[in-house]
Amino acid sequence: MKHFIVLIFAVVAFNFNLKAQEEPTIKKSKESIPETVFFKDTVRIHNGQDTTIVRIGKNDVKVISHAGGTEIILGKDKDKEKNKKHHSEKFKGHWQGLDFGFNGYTNPDYSMYDVDGFMSVIQAKSYEVGLNLLELNISIHKSFIGLVSGMGMTFNDYKFETRYTLQKGATRTEPVYLDYNNLEKTKLSMYYLNVPLLLEFQIPVNNNEGRVYINAGVLGGVKLDSHTKVKHGESKDKDHSGFYINTFKYDAMARIGYKGIGLYAKYSLTPLFETGKGPELTPFTIGISFSD
């Protein structure tokens, strides 16, 4: 029934095309395409030299006259639909997803201690896992520039290359030497709840099939937990004393990637420990991100 109705419109349009061509008072070039609109926003007829296009809703009916006869084509104008989709896209940033990186410190200063470098880490085994669960996007310029925010969590491990662990003293964090013969691991772990504020730019490539993105900004975090872990033999000792680690932190963050895969880097704008209560360490992280 639907196709029958469409064919009726097509025939009407074709007759309209013939009458328009026979009208002696109308002059038109091969490139001119006047438009006649019937039933506002429902049926549109584009009358050309040899082709009449009837737009019914989102469907096109093409009536083409040529030497071999008359051809009627039913369907959607895919090129118009594709262009419409690209122009109507909303800005979507790159935050929600999974991060995996490696941790380290810059400019370590142990001058207030007799032991130097007791928190030195094994870079390849000191990692970060980020779960970015919530994303908020605000468009600034169409779908290409916008602000990105949201919420996520990070789990940070710093595996020491020394035989030390940490202990919370009366006024500062103290190093504790471990004399276990079967010492396997000593590390510091921290969990944070994070909120980012990033400015993102997107560059379409491959006919807008994908986009290169670059964003940068600030990541604020609040510490949910911190603890040390010492593994020796079959024993695992944990200490959740806090160690005067700053409760709040602020990181400078940058990300670059293509489609859903990218690289990211973070540099802390706050020291790891409260002033005067631990060695002066500035954390950083470099890793790979997988965006939704």
Protein backbone atom coordinates (compact mmCIF):
# COMPACT_ATOMS: atom_id res chain seq x y z
CA MET A 1 0.00 0.00 0.00
CA LYS A 2 2.81 2.37 0.92
CA HIS A 3 4.67 1.76 -2.35
CA PHE A 4 1.41 2.20 -4.29
CA ILE A 5 0.88 5.65 -2.77
CA VAL A 6 4.50 6.59 -3.49
CA LEU A 7 4.08 5.54 -7.13
CA ILE A 8 0.98 7.74 -7.43
CA PHE A 9 3.01 10.72 -6.24
CA ALA A 10 5.75 9.78 -8.68
CA VAL A 11 3.34 9.70 -11.61
CA VAL A 12 1.86 13.05 -10.59
CA ALA A 13 5.36 14.48 -10.37
CA PHE A 14 6.27 13.07 -13.78
CA ASN A 15 3.18 14.66 -15.37
CA PHE A 16 4.05 17.89 -13.65
CA ASN A 17 7.51 17.65 -15.19
CA LEU A 18 6.10 17.15 -18.71
CA LYS A 19 3.72 20.07 -18.37
CA ALA A 20 6.50 22.30 -17.09
CA GLN A 21 8.67 21.41 -20.08
CA GLU A 22 5.81 22.11 -22.55
CA GLU A 23 4.98 25.51 -21.04
CA PRO A 24 6.21 28.11 -23.61
CA THR A 25 6.32 31.00 -21.15
CA ILE A 26 8.87 29.33 -18.84
CA LYS A 27 12.53 29.46 -19.74
CA LYS A 28 15.10 27.55 -17.79
CA SER A 29 18.67 26.45 -18.29
CA LYS A 30 19.88 22.92 -17.83
CA GLU A 31 21.43 23.86 -14.50
CA SER A 32 18.44 25.69 -13.00
CA ILE A 33 16.39 23.60 -10.58
CA PRO A 34 13.29 25.47 -9.32
CA GLU A 35 11.57 24.00 -6.29
CA THR A 36 7.86 23.51 -5.74
CA VAL A 37 6.64 22.57 -2.25
CA PHE A 38 3.41 20.65 -1.57
CA PHE A 39 2.03 19.82 1.88
CA LYS A 40 4.60 21.82 3.87
CA ASP A 41 7.58 19.72 5.08
CA THR A 42 5.94 16.56 3.78
CA VAL A 43 6.21 16.51 -0.04
CA ARG A 44 8.82 18.45 -2.04
CA ILE A 45 9.17 18.34 -5.84
CA HIS A 46 12.46 19.35 -7.44
CA ASN A 47 11.77 19.78 -11.16
CA GLY A 48 14.84 19.53 -13.42
CA GLN A 49 15.51 19.21 -17.16
CA ASP A 50 15.21 15.42 -17.31
CA THR A 51 14.67 14.44 -13.67
CA THR A 52 11.89 15.06 -11.19
CA ILE A 53 12.58 14.32 -7.50
CA VAL A 54 9.65 13.94 -5.12
CA ARG A 55 10.58 14.18 -1.42
CA ILE A 56 7.98 12.45 0.76
CA GLY A 57 9.09 12.72 4.39
CA LYS A 58 12.61 11.27 4.43
CA ASN A 59 12.19 9.32 1.19
CA ASP A 60 13.02 10.39 -2.38
CA VAL A 61 11.20 9.33 -5.53
CA LYS A 62 13.21 10.07 -8.68
CA VAL A 63 11.48 10.12 -12.08
CA ILE A 64 14.16 10.14 -14.80
CA SER A 65 13.34 10.62 -18.49
CA HIS A 66 15.87 9.37 -21.05
CA ALA A 67 16.04 7.82 -24.51
CA GLY A 68 15.30 4.36 -23.18
CA GLY A 69 12.09 5.43 -21.47
CA THR A 70 11.20 6.55 -17.95
CA GLU A 71 12.94 5.30 -14.81
CA ILE A 72 11.47 5.54 -11.28
CA ILE A 73 13.82 5.15 -8.30
CA LEU A 74 12.55 4.86 -4.71
CA GLY A 75 14.71 5.37 -1.60
CA LYS A 76 16.63 7.83 0.54
CA ASP A 77 19.24 10.31 -0.61
CA LYS A 78 22.18 8.76 1.23
CA ASP A 79 24.52 11.67 0.55
CA LYS A 80 22.06 14.14 2.07
CA GLU A 81 21.46 11.87 5.05
CA LYS A 82 25.21 11.51 5.61
CA ASN A 83 25.84 15.27 5.40
CA LYS A 84 22.87 15.94 7.67
CA LYS A 85 24.24 13.49 10.22
CA HIS A 86 27.68 15.12 10.20
CA HIS A 87 26.24 18.61 10.56
CA SER A 88 23.89 17.58 13.38
CA GLU A 89 26.51 15.74 15.45
CA LYS A 90 26.89 16.91 19.02
CA PHE A 91 30.24 17.51 20.65
CA LYS A 92 31.48 14.39 22.42
CA GLY A 93 34.74 14.54 24.33
CA HIS A 94 37.23 11.87 25.31
CA TRP A 95 37.21 11.08 29.02
CA GLN A 96 34.90 8.18 29.74
CA GLY A 97 36.70 4.87 29.47
CA LEU A 98 39.85 3.17 30.80
CA ASP A 99 43.34 4.56 31.49
CA PHE A 100 46.51 2.59 32.12
CA GLY A 101 49.81 4.31 32.91
CA PHE A 102 53.10 4.22 34.77
CA ASN A 103 53.95 6.34 37.82
CA GLY A 104 57.07 8.12 38.93
CA TYR A 105 58.38 11.19 40.78
CA THR A 106 60.16 14.31 39.64
CA ASN A 107 62.64 16.35 41.72
CA PRO A 108 62.77 14.03 44.79
CA ASP A 109 64.19 15.67 47.89
CA TYR A 110 65.09 13.58 50.98
CA SER A 111 67.19 16.27 52.66
CA MET A 112 65.16 16.15 55.88
CA TYR A 113 66.05 12.45 56.35
CA ASP A 114 69.24 10.55 57.11
CA VAL A 115 68.24 7.91 54.54
CA ASP A 116 68.29 8.99 50.91
CA GLY A 117 65.96 7.61 48.25
CA PHE A 118 64.00 5.20 50.47
CA MET A 119 60.89 5.72 48.27
CA SER A 120 62.63 5.17 44.90
CA VAL A 121 60.34 3.15 42.67
CA ILE A 122 60.59 0.50 39.98
CA GLN A 123 59.07 2.46 37.08
CA ALA A 124 57.84 -0.53 35.09
CA LYS A 125 56.00 -1.97 38.11
CA SER A 126 54.54 1.28 39.45
CA TYR A 127 51.29 1.67 37.57
CA GLU A 128 47.99 3.52 37.47
CA VAL A 129 44.57 2.18 36.50
CA GLY A 130 41.86 4.76 35.85
CA LEU A 131 38.14 4.05 35.54
CA ASN A 132 36.42 7.12 34.13
CA LEU A 133 32.75 6.34 34.63
CA LEU A 134 30.90 9.63 34.01
CA GLU A 135 31.35 12.19 31.23
CA LEU A 136 29.82 15.64 30.75
CA ASN A 137 30.30 17.56 27.46
CA ILE A 138 29.65 21.25 26.75
CA SER A 139 29.91 22.40 23.13
CA ILE A 140 31.75 25.65 22.39
CA HIS A 141 31.95 25.45 18.59
CA LYS A 142 29.69 22.90 16.90
CA SER A 143 31.06 19.38 17.39
CA PHE A 144 34.73 20.35 17.14
CA ILE A 145 35.53 22.36 20.30
CA GLY A 146 34.13 21.88 23.77
CA LEU A 147 34.64 21.45 27.50
CA VAL A 148 34.85 17.98 29.01
CA SER A 149 34.15 17.10 32.64
CA GLY A 150 32.86 14.11 34.54
CA MET A 151 34.01 11.79 37.29
CA GLY A 152 36.34 8.82 37.67
CA MET A 153 38.61 6.85 39.97
CA THR A 154 42.33 6.06 39.85
CA PHE A 155 44.28 3.32 41.59
CA ASN A 156 47.98 4.17 41.95
CA ASP A 157 50.77 1.81 42.94
CA TYR A 158 54.37 2.83 43.72
CA LYS A 159 56.53 -0.26 44.06
CA PHE A 160 59.75 0.49 45.94
CA GLU A 161 63.08 -0.73 44.65
CA THR A 162 64.48 -0.45 48.18
CA ARG A 163 63.97 -2.60 51.31
CA TYR A 164 61.96 0.13 53.05
CA THR A 165 58.34 0.69 53.94
CA LEU A 166 56.65 3.70 55.59
CA GLN A 167 55.42 4.35 59.10
CA LYS A 168 53.40 7.30 60.35
CA GLY A 169 55.37 9.03 63.09
CA ALA A 170 54.28 11.69 65.56
CA THR A 171 55.16 14.59 63.24
CA ARG A 172 56.17 13.06 59.91
CA THR A 173 56.37 9.89 57.83
CA GLU A 174 59.32 7.71 58.79
CA PRO A 175 61.22 5.10 56.71
CA VAL A 176 61.36 1.59 58.17
CA TYR A 177 64.01 -0.87 56.99
CA LEU A 178 62.79 -4.42 56.25
CA ASP A 179 65.25 -7.18 57.16
CA TYR A 180 63.14 -10.12 55.96
CA ASN A 181 65.18 -12.75 54.15
CA ASN A 182 62.18 -13.64 52.03
CA LEU A 183 61.04 -10.08 51.17
CA GLU A 184 59.16 -10.11 47.85
CA LYS A 185 57.40 -6.76 47.63
CA THR A 186 57.07 -3.39 49.35
CA LYS A 187 54.86 -0.69 47.90
CA LEU A 188 52.60 2.32 48.52
CA SER A 189 49.06 2.38 47.08
CA MET A 190 46.53 5.23 46.82
CA TYR A 191 42.94 5.50 45.55
CA TYR A 192 41.45 8.79 44.33
CA LEU A 193 38.08 10.10 43.21
CA ASN A 194 38.69 12.54 40.33
CA VAL A 195 36.87 15.33 38.48
CA PRO A 196 38.44 16.72 35.27
CA LEU A 197 37.98 20.05 33.48
CA LEU A 198 39.44 19.81 29.99
CA LEU A 199 39.30 21.94 26.85
CA GLU A 200 39.18 19.68 23.79
CA PHE A 201 39.80 20.28 20.08
CA GLN A 202 38.83 17.73 17.42
CA ILE A 203 40.15 17.56 13.83
CA PRO A 204 38.14 15.48 11.31
CA VAL A 205 40.20 13.15 9.08
CA ASN A 206 39.33 10.56 6.40
CA ASN A 207 36.18 12.41 5.28
CA ASN A 208 35.01 12.71 8.87
CA GLU A 209 35.21 8.96 9.43
CA GLY A 210 37.40 9.63 12.46
CA ARG A 211 38.81 12.53 14.44
CA VAL A 212 42.13 13.40 16.00
CA TYR A 213 41.53 14.92 19.42
CA ILE A 214 43.65 17.01 21.74
CA ASN A 215 42.54 18.09 25.19
CA ALA A 216 44.24 19.66 28.19
CA GLY A 217 43.28 21.02 31.57
CA VAL A 218 43.18 20.26 35.27
CA LEU A 219 42.27 17.07 37.15
CA GLY A 220 41.17 17.48 40.75
CA GLY A 221 41.25 14.50 43.09
CA VAL A 222 40.34 13.56 46.64
CA LYS A 223 42.10 10.65 48.35
CA LEU A 224 39.81 7.79 49.35
CA ASP A 225 42.47 5.52 50.81
CA SER A 226 46.22 5.00 51.06
CA HIS A 227 48.18 2.08 52.44
CA THR A 228 51.50 0.31 52.35
CA LYS A 229 51.85 -3.36 51.56
CA VAL A 230 54.76 -5.64 52.43
CA LYS A 231 54.85 -9.20 51.14
CA HIS A 232 57.33 -11.65 52.63
CA GLY A 233 56.88 -15.37 52.20
CA GLU A 234 53.25 -16.26 52.81
CA SER A 235 52.60 -13.07 54.82
CA LYS A 236 51.11 -9.78 53.57
CA ASP A 237 51.25 -6.80 55.91
CA LYS A 238 49.17 -3.68 55.23
CA ASP A 239 49.16 -0.34 57.02
CA HIS A 240 46.34 2.20 56.40
CA SER A 241 47.75 4.96 58.60
CA GLY A 242 47.59 7.67 55.91
CA PHE A 243 51.27 8.75 56.25
CA TYR A 244 50.44 12.49 55.96
CA ILE A 245 49.71 12.14 52.24
CA ASN A 246 47.77 15.17 50.96
CA THR A 247 44.02 14.52 50.93
CA PHE A 248 43.45 16.74 47.88
CA LYS A 249 45.54 16.90 44.74
CA TYR A 250 45.52 18.83 41.48
CA ASP A 251 47.12 17.56 38.29
CA ALA A 252 47.84 19.20 34.96
CA MET A 253 46.60 16.76 32.32
CA ALA A 254 46.88 16.45 28.52
CA ARG A 255 45.53 13.85 26.12
CA ILE A 256 45.99 13.21 22.41
CA GLY A 257 44.59 10.43 20.27
CA TYR A 258 42.55 9.20 17.33
CA LYS A 259 39.01 7.91 17.67
CA GLY A 260 38.96 5.97 20.98
CA ILE A 261 42.67 5.36 21.54
CA GLY A 262 45.14 7.91 22.86
CA LEU A 263 48.03 8.83 25.08
CA TYR A 264 47.83 10.87 28.25
CA ALA A 265 50.18 12.53 30.72
CA LYS A 266 49.62 13.95 34.22
CA TYR A 267 51.88 16.14 36.30
CA SER A 268 50.94 16.87 39.90
CA LEU A 269 50.59 20.51 40.91
CA THR A 270 50.65 19.49 44.58
CA PRO A 271 53.33 17.50 46.43
CA LEU A 272 52.60 13.95 47.53
CA PHE A 273 53.03 14.66 51.24
CA GLU A 274 51.93 17.54 53.41
CA THR A 275 54.63 20.19 53.76
CA GLY A 276 57.35 19.13 56.19
CA LYS A 277 55.77 15.74 56.88
CA GLY A 278 57.44 13.61 54.23
CA PRO A 279 60.03 13.71 51.46
CA GLU A 280 59.36 16.27 48.73
CA LEU A 281 58.05 14.22 45.81
CA THR A 282 56.06 15.39 42.77
CA PRO A 283 54.18 12.50 41.09
CA PHE A 284 53.68 12.14 37.34
CA THR A 285 51.99 9.53 35.15
CA ILE A 286 52.32 8.65 31.46
CA GLY A 287 50.02 6.11 29.84
CA ILE A 288 47.47 5.02 27.26
CA SER A 289 43.73 5.69 27.29
CA PHE A 290 40.78 3.85 25.79
CA SER A 291 37.78 6.14 25.43
CA ASP A 292 34.17 5.11 24.96
